Structure formats: structure tokens, C-alpha cells
N, C-alpha and C. Protein backbone atom coordinates (compact mmCIF):
# COMPACT_ATOMS: atom_id res chain seq x y z
N MET A 1 -7.98 -156.78 -83.05
CA MET A 1 -8.84 -155.73 -83.55
C MET A 1 -8.00 -154.79 -84.42
N ALA A 2 -8.58 -154.30 -85.48
CA ALA A 2 -7.88 -153.41 -86.40
C ALA A 2 -7.74 -152.02 -85.79
N ASP A 3 -6.66 -151.34 -86.19
CA ASP A 3 -6.45 -149.98 -85.71
C ASP A 3 -7.49 -149.04 -86.30
N PRO A 4 -8.01 -148.08 -85.53
CA PRO A 4 -8.98 -147.12 -86.08
C PRO A 4 -8.29 -146.15 -87.04
N PHE A 5 -9.06 -145.67 -87.98
CA PHE A 5 -8.54 -144.70 -88.93
C PHE A 5 -8.40 -143.34 -88.27
N THR A 6 -7.38 -142.59 -88.69
CA THR A 6 -7.23 -141.22 -88.20
C THR A 6 -7.90 -140.27 -89.17
N ALA A 7 -8.17 -139.08 -88.69
CA ALA A 7 -8.82 -138.08 -89.54
C ALA A 7 -7.92 -137.70 -90.71
N GLU A 8 -6.62 -137.63 -90.49
CA GLU A 8 -5.69 -137.27 -91.56
C GLU A 8 -5.68 -138.33 -92.66
N HIS A 9 -5.74 -139.60 -92.26
CA HIS A 9 -5.74 -140.68 -93.25
C HIS A 9 -7.00 -140.64 -94.10
N VAL A 10 -8.14 -140.47 -93.46
CA VAL A 10 -9.41 -140.40 -94.20
C VAL A 10 -9.43 -139.18 -95.12
N HIS A 11 -8.93 -138.05 -94.63
CA HIS A 11 -8.88 -136.84 -95.45
C HIS A 11 -7.99 -137.05 -96.67
N GLY A 12 -6.86 -137.71 -96.50
CA GLY A 12 -5.96 -137.99 -97.62
C GLY A 12 -6.59 -138.91 -98.65
N VAL A 13 -7.31 -139.93 -98.18
CA VAL A 13 -7.98 -140.86 -99.10
C VAL A 13 -9.07 -140.14 -99.89
N LEU A 14 -9.85 -139.30 -99.22
CA LEU A 14 -10.90 -138.55 -99.91
C LEU A 14 -10.32 -137.56 -100.91
N ARG A 15 -9.21 -136.93 -100.56
CA ARG A 15 -8.56 -135.99 -101.47
C ARG A 15 -8.06 -136.71 -102.73
N GLN A 16 -7.45 -137.88 -102.56
CA GLN A 16 -7.00 -138.65 -103.73
C GLN A 16 -8.17 -139.08 -104.59
N TYR A 17 -9.26 -139.47 -103.97
CA TYR A 17 -10.45 -139.88 -104.73
C TYR A 17 -11.00 -138.72 -105.54
N ALA A 18 -11.05 -137.54 -104.94
CA ALA A 18 -11.59 -136.37 -105.64
C ALA A 18 -10.66 -135.95 -106.78
N ARG A 19 -9.36 -136.11 -106.62
CA ARG A 19 -8.42 -135.75 -107.69
C ARG A 19 -8.51 -136.70 -108.87
N LYS A 20 -8.82 -137.95 -108.60
CA LYS A 20 -8.96 -138.94 -109.67
C LYS A 20 -10.26 -138.78 -110.43
N ARG A 21 -11.24 -138.09 -109.85
CA ARG A 21 -12.55 -137.92 -110.45
C ARG A 21 -12.81 -136.44 -110.74
N PRO A 22 -12.41 -135.94 -111.90
CA PRO A 22 -12.62 -134.52 -112.19
C PRO A 22 -14.08 -134.17 -112.45
N ASP A 23 -14.96 -135.16 -112.57
CA ASP A 23 -16.36 -134.88 -112.84
C ASP A 23 -17.16 -134.58 -111.57
N ILE A 24 -16.54 -134.64 -110.39
CA ILE A 24 -17.23 -134.31 -109.16
C ILE A 24 -16.49 -133.20 -108.44
N GLY A 25 -17.17 -132.53 -107.53
CA GLY A 25 -16.52 -131.49 -106.73
C GLY A 25 -17.33 -130.21 -106.71
N ALA A 26 -16.99 -129.35 -105.76
CA ALA A 26 -17.71 -128.09 -105.60
C ALA A 26 -17.43 -127.14 -106.76
N GLY A 27 -16.18 -127.11 -107.23
CA GLY A 27 -15.85 -126.23 -108.35
C GLY A 27 -16.59 -126.61 -109.62
N LYS A 28 -16.68 -127.89 -109.88
CA LYS A 28 -17.41 -128.38 -111.06
C LYS A 28 -18.89 -128.05 -110.94
N ALA A 29 -19.46 -128.22 -109.75
CA ALA A 29 -20.87 -127.91 -109.54
C ALA A 29 -21.14 -126.41 -109.73
N LEU A 30 -20.23 -125.57 -109.25
CA LEU A 30 -20.39 -124.13 -109.42
C LEU A 30 -20.31 -123.74 -110.89
N LEU A 31 -19.35 -124.29 -111.61
CA LEU A 31 -19.24 -123.98 -113.04
C LEU A 31 -20.44 -124.48 -113.82
N ASP A 32 -20.95 -125.64 -113.47
CA ASP A 32 -22.13 -126.17 -114.15
C ASP A 32 -23.37 -125.31 -113.88
N ALA A 33 -23.43 -124.68 -112.71
CA ALA A 33 -24.57 -123.83 -112.38
C ALA A 33 -24.51 -122.50 -113.12
N VAL A 34 -23.30 -121.98 -113.36
CA VAL A 34 -23.14 -120.64 -113.94
C VAL A 34 -22.99 -120.68 -115.45
N LEU A 35 -22.38 -121.72 -115.99
CA LEU A 35 -22.13 -121.79 -117.43
C LEU A 35 -23.12 -122.71 -118.13
N GLU A 36 -23.33 -122.45 -119.41
CA GLU A 36 -24.18 -123.32 -120.22
C GLU A 36 -23.56 -124.70 -120.30
N PRO A 37 -24.38 -125.73 -120.54
CA PRO A 37 -23.82 -127.08 -120.65
C PRO A 37 -22.83 -127.19 -121.80
N GLY A 38 -21.78 -127.96 -121.57
CA GLY A 38 -20.76 -128.14 -122.58
C GLY A 38 -21.19 -129.11 -123.66
N SER A 39 -20.53 -129.05 -124.78
CA SER A 39 -20.81 -129.96 -125.88
C SER A 39 -20.14 -131.30 -125.60
N PRO A 40 -20.88 -132.39 -125.72
CA PRO A 40 -20.25 -133.69 -125.47
C PRO A 40 -19.27 -134.09 -126.56
N PHE A 41 -19.33 -133.44 -127.71
CA PHE A 41 -18.46 -133.80 -128.83
C PHE A 41 -17.20 -132.95 -128.89
N GLY A 42 -17.23 -131.77 -128.30
CA GLY A 42 -16.06 -130.90 -128.29
C GLY A 42 -15.63 -130.59 -126.88
N SER A 43 -14.65 -131.30 -126.38
CA SER A 43 -14.25 -131.10 -124.98
C SER A 43 -13.55 -129.76 -124.77
N LYS A 44 -13.02 -129.16 -125.81
CA LYS A 44 -12.32 -127.88 -125.68
C LYS A 44 -13.19 -126.70 -126.10
N SER A 45 -14.49 -126.93 -126.33
CA SER A 45 -15.37 -125.86 -126.76
C SER A 45 -15.61 -124.87 -125.62
N LEU A 46 -15.84 -123.62 -125.97
CA LEU A 46 -16.03 -122.55 -125.01
C LEU A 46 -17.45 -122.60 -124.45
N ARG A 47 -17.56 -122.54 -123.14
CA ARG A 47 -18.87 -122.54 -122.48
C ARG A 47 -19.23 -121.11 -122.12
N THR A 48 -20.35 -120.63 -122.61
CA THR A 48 -20.78 -119.27 -122.35
C THR A 48 -21.56 -119.19 -121.04
N PRO A 49 -21.56 -118.03 -120.39
CA PRO A 49 -22.31 -117.90 -119.14
C PRO A 49 -23.82 -117.92 -119.40
N ARG A 50 -24.56 -118.35 -118.42
CA ARG A 50 -26.02 -118.39 -118.54
C ARG A 50 -26.58 -116.97 -118.48
N ARG A 51 -27.77 -116.79 -119.06
CA ARG A 51 -28.38 -115.46 -119.13
C ARG A 51 -28.65 -114.88 -117.75
N TRP A 52 -29.17 -115.68 -116.83
CA TRP A 52 -29.50 -115.18 -115.50
C TRP A 52 -28.25 -114.73 -114.76
N PHE A 53 -27.13 -115.39 -114.99
CA PHE A 53 -25.90 -115.00 -114.32
C PHE A 53 -25.37 -113.67 -114.86
N VAL A 54 -25.47 -113.49 -116.17
CA VAL A 54 -25.03 -112.23 -116.77
C VAL A 54 -25.91 -111.08 -116.28
N LEU A 55 -27.22 -111.30 -116.26
CA LEU A 55 -28.14 -110.26 -115.80
C LEU A 55 -27.88 -109.93 -114.33
N PHE A 56 -27.72 -110.94 -113.49
CA PHE A 56 -27.44 -110.71 -112.07
C PHE A 56 -26.13 -109.97 -111.88
N SER A 57 -25.12 -110.31 -112.67
CA SER A 57 -23.82 -109.65 -112.55
C SER A 57 -23.91 -108.17 -112.94
N ILE A 58 -24.62 -107.88 -114.01
CA ILE A 58 -24.78 -106.49 -114.44
C ILE A 58 -25.56 -105.68 -113.39
N LEU A 59 -26.64 -106.26 -112.88
CA LEU A 59 -27.44 -105.55 -111.87
C LEU A 59 -26.64 -105.33 -110.59
N ALA A 60 -25.86 -106.34 -110.17
CA ALA A 60 -25.04 -106.19 -108.97
C ALA A 60 -23.98 -105.11 -109.17
N PHE A 61 -23.38 -105.06 -110.36
CA PHE A 61 -22.40 -104.02 -110.64
C PHE A 61 -23.04 -102.64 -110.64
N LEU A 62 -24.23 -102.50 -111.22
CA LEU A 62 -24.90 -101.21 -111.25
C LEU A 62 -25.28 -100.74 -109.84
N VAL A 63 -25.74 -101.65 -109.01
CA VAL A 63 -26.07 -101.29 -107.63
C VAL A 63 -24.81 -100.85 -106.88
N PHE A 64 -23.74 -101.59 -107.04
CA PHE A 64 -22.48 -101.24 -106.38
C PHE A 64 -21.95 -99.91 -106.89
N ALA A 65 -21.99 -99.69 -108.22
CA ALA A 65 -21.49 -98.44 -108.79
C ALA A 65 -22.32 -97.25 -108.32
N SER A 66 -23.64 -97.40 -108.27
CA SER A 66 -24.47 -96.28 -107.80
C SER A 66 -24.23 -96.02 -106.32
N PHE A 67 -24.02 -97.05 -105.53
CA PHE A 67 -23.70 -96.87 -104.12
C PHE A 67 -22.41 -96.08 -103.95
N VAL A 68 -21.39 -96.45 -104.70
CA VAL A 68 -20.10 -95.75 -104.61
C VAL A 68 -20.24 -94.31 -105.11
N TYR A 69 -20.95 -94.11 -106.21
CA TYR A 69 -21.10 -92.77 -106.79
C TYR A 69 -21.82 -91.83 -105.82
N PHE A 70 -22.95 -92.28 -105.27
CA PHE A 70 -23.74 -91.38 -104.42
C PHE A 70 -23.13 -91.19 -103.03
N ASN A 71 -22.26 -92.05 -102.62
CA ASN A 71 -21.60 -91.86 -101.33
C ASN A 71 -20.37 -90.98 -101.42
N ARG A 72 -19.87 -90.72 -102.61
CA ARG A 72 -18.69 -89.84 -102.78
C ARG A 72 -19.10 -88.39 -103.00
N LEU A 73 -20.38 -88.10 -103.16
CA LEU A 73 -20.82 -86.73 -103.41
C LEU A 73 -20.71 -85.86 -102.16
N GLY A 74 -20.86 -86.42 -101.00
CA GLY A 74 -20.92 -85.65 -99.75
C GLY A 74 -19.63 -85.16 -99.36
């Protein structure tokens, strides 16, 4: 009977697989959700943030800034 795989061995194999495939992963999925799609013809082209992300970031900053401002008055 073959020896069972250990968790460390499986983790190492999965890590090598993910490193060989830069098109998959949580970081890639997060960037694809936040940034506009890249140009297939220009791999070095700049990807701009999506409108909803910019709006959410500005609103979150304004809420945080008003919270800090009004809590320092007392």
C-alpha cells in the first residue's frame, strides 16, 4: 500500500501550482474586482480603479473623517 500524503506535502504542491499559474489566486481575483479589465494587447498598461470602488472609498473616508472630527470636539 502506498504511503498517505502529509498535510505539509499537499500544501507544498498546491503552493508550487499557484506560483506557476499567475492567472489564479485570491490577489488576482481581488484586483480584477476592484480594477477595470486590462488590455489584452498591452500587458504593461495601467488599470484604473472602477467607479464604484472610487465612490465607496471617498464615502468611507468622509464617514471616517467626520467621525474623527466630531469626536475630538468634546
